[in-house]
Structure formats: structure tokens, C-alpha cells
């Protein structure tokens, strides 16, 4: 990665990675590397998920019962752990998405106060 790309990377707020993982797994079970690549792809490579952040987040989500894990074989014929959203995780995804929407709207009101008033 070039220095310019490193400067343009956006650090995720605490808890945001959990939300992104849950949303990514809503589409179906994936192994860790595929989760990271899906987040990068869907963000147009703005969000880069490092292994040092991804795997602790996956373990945290397993511990909370929001995702489950099972052994399987990846598309390149390697053993891999596949992560799946649980029913509890689906409910939590709805809660976390609502919290995110509220946070994003509040930040938008602060960053662009005139736009909010003109839309009313």
C-alpha cells in the first residue's frame, strides 16, 4: 500500500467493525479472509480490515452468541473456519444498524447544520 493510500484510510470507530461483520454475514456464511475482502470490496477499498482487528472481533461476536463457527473447505480447497450469523445476531444487527443510523444523523447535523434546516 502506498503512503497516499495509508493516509486516505479511515480508522473505524469502536464497534463499527462488529456491525460490518454482522452485515456481511447476513448474506451467508464466510471464512475470515472472505469477510475482510467483502468489507473492502463493498466500501470501494476505503475500509481495510486487518487480521489483527478481524479475528478478535470474530471471537468477540462468537462469545456474544451473535455468530457461530464451523470447519469447512474454502474455495481454494483449504481448511477454513466459516462464520455464520445466528438468530441472536440477526436481532443484534437490527439494533446496531438503528444505533448507527442515529449516530450518523447526529454527526451530520453537527457537520452540516444548514443542510438539515433547509430540508425541513
Protein backbone atom coordinates (compact mmCIF):
# COMPACT_ATOMS: atom_id res chain seq x y z
CA UNK A 1 0.00 0.00 0.00
CA UNK A 2 1.35 3.42 -0.92
CA UNK A 3 1.82 6.25 1.57
CA UNK A 4 -1.05 8.15 -0.06
CA UNK A 5 -3.34 5.14 0.38
CA UNK A 6 -2.30 4.83 4.02
CA UNK A 7 -3.18 8.49 4.65
CA UNK A 8 -6.58 8.05 2.99
CA UNK A 9 -7.53 5.03 5.08
CA UNK A 10 -10.28 5.61 7.57
CA UNK A 11 -9.99 4.24 11.08
CA UNK A 12 -13.18 2.52 12.21
CA UNK A 13 -14.99 3.64 15.33
CA UNK A 14 -15.02 1.06 18.08
CA UNK A 15 -17.93 -1.31 17.47
CA UNK A 16 -18.20 -0.41 13.79
CA UNK A 17 -16.26 -3.47 12.70
CA UNK A 18 -18.70 -5.68 14.60
CA UNK A 19 -21.60 -4.07 12.72
CA UNK A 20 -19.84 -4.52 9.37
CA UNK A 21 -19.11 -8.18 10.09
CA UNK A 22 -22.71 -8.85 11.11
CA UNK A 23 -23.99 -7.13 7.96
CA UNK A 24 -21.55 -9.03 5.76
CA UNK A 25 -22.59 -12.37 7.27
CA UNK A 26 -26.25 -11.53 6.66
CA UNK A 27 -25.57 -12.58 3.07
CA UNK A 28 -24.40 -16.05 4.16
CA UNK A 29 -21.53 -17.88 5.88
CA UNK A 30 -17.98 -16.81 5.02
CA UNK A 31 -14.45 -17.53 6.20
CA UNK A 32 -12.38 -14.74 7.77
CA UNK A 33 -10.43 -13.71 4.69
CA UNK A 34 -13.64 -13.53 2.64
CA UNK A 35 -15.28 -11.33 5.30
CA UNK A 36 -12.37 -8.88 5.14
CA UNK A 37 -12.38 -8.86 1.34
CA UNK A 38 -16.17 -8.36 1.21
CA UNK A 39 -15.94 -5.33 3.51
CA UNK A 40 -13.10 -3.89 1.45
CA UNK A 41 -14.96 -4.51 -1.84
CA UNK A 42 -18.30 -3.12 -0.64
CA UNK A 43 -16.56 0.02 0.68
CA UNK A 44 -14.71 0.56 -2.63
CA UNK A 45 -11.46 -0.26 -0.77
CA UNK A 46 -11.89 2.64 1.66
CA UNK A 47 -12.18 0.26 4.62
CA UNK A 48 -9.31 -2.20 5.01
CA UNK A 49 -9.73 -4.87 7.68
CA UNK A 50 -6.50 -6.12 9.20
CA UNK A 51 -6.25 -9.66 10.61
CA UNK A 52 -5.23 -8.18 13.96
CA UNK A 53 -8.63 -6.50 14.17
CA UNK A 54 -10.78 -9.05 12.35
CA UNK A 55 -10.10 -12.19 14.36
CA UNK A 56 -10.51 -10.61 17.82
CA UNK A 57 -13.81 -9.14 16.56
CA UNK A 58 -14.94 -12.56 15.30
CA UNK A 59 -14.09 -14.15 18.66
CA UNK A 60 -15.97 -11.38 20.48
CA UNK A 61 -19.05 -11.96 18.30
CA UNK A 62 -18.90 -15.72 18.90
CA UNK A 63 -18.67 -15.14 22.65
CA UNK A 64 -21.78 -12.92 22.49
CA UNK A 65 -23.64 -15.59 20.54
CA UNK A 66 -24.14 -13.30 17.53
CA UNK A 67 -22.24 -15.58 15.15
CA UNK A 68 -21.33 -19.26 15.10
CA UNK A 69 -18.34 -21.01 13.56
CA UNK A 70 -17.85 -24.34 11.81
CA UNK A 71 -15.00 -26.03 9.98
CA UNK A 72 -15.16 -26.25 6.21
CA UNK A 73 -13.20 -26.05 2.98
CA UNK A 74 -12.51 -22.73 1.27
CA UNK A 75 -12.85 -22.07 -2.46
CA UNK A 76 -9.11 -22.83 -2.87
CA UNK A 77 -9.51 -26.22 -1.17
CA UNK A 78 -8.01 -25.24 2.19
CA UNK A 79 -9.41 -25.93 5.64
CA UNK A 80 -11.10 -22.83 6.99
CA UNK A 81 -13.45 -21.68 9.72
CA UNK A 82 -16.74 -20.42 8.37
CA UNK A 83 -18.68 -17.85 10.35
CA UNK A 84 -22.47 -17.67 10.26
CA UNK A 85 -24.93 -15.12 11.64
CA UNK A 86 -27.16 -16.58 14.39
CA UNK A 87 -30.78 -15.62 15.12
CA UNK A 88 -29.50 -13.58 18.06
CA UNK A 89 -27.01 -11.95 15.69
CA UNK A 90 -29.77 -11.02 13.24
CA UNK A 91 -31.67 -9.29 16.03
CA UNK A 92 -28.49 -7.53 17.15
CA UNK A 93 -27.76 -6.42 13.59
CA UNK A 94 -31.11 -4.59 13.55
CA UNK A 95 -30.29 -2.94 16.90
CA UNK A 96 -26.77 -1.95 15.85
CA UNK A 97 -27.97 -0.63 12.47
CA UNK A 98 -30.51 1.58 14.23
CA UNK A 99 -27.83 2.88 16.61
CA UNK A 100 -25.54 3.59 13.63
CA UNK A 101 -28.30 5.47 11.78
CA UNK A 102 -28.93 7.61 14.87
CA UNK A 103 -25.21 8.32 15.31
CA UNK A 104 -24.70 9.16 11.62
CA UNK A 105 -27.68 11.53 11.64
CA UNK A 106 -26.39 13.29 14.77
CA UNK A 107 -22.93 13.72 13.28
CA UNK A 108 -24.45 15.01 10.02
CA UNK A 109 -26.44 17.62 11.98
CA UNK A 110 -23.20 18.87 13.55
CA UNK A 111 -21.11 18.81 10.36
CA UNK A 112 -23.75 20.32 8.07
CA UNK A 113 -26.21 22.27 10.23
CA UNK A 114 -27.53 24.42 7.37
CA UNK A 115 -28.48 21.45 5.22
CA UNK A 116 -30.65 19.99 7.97
CA UNK A 117 -32.59 23.23 8.43
CA UNK A 118 -33.20 23.76 4.71
CA UNK A 119 -34.61 20.22 4.33
CA UNK A 120 -37.30 20.83 6.98
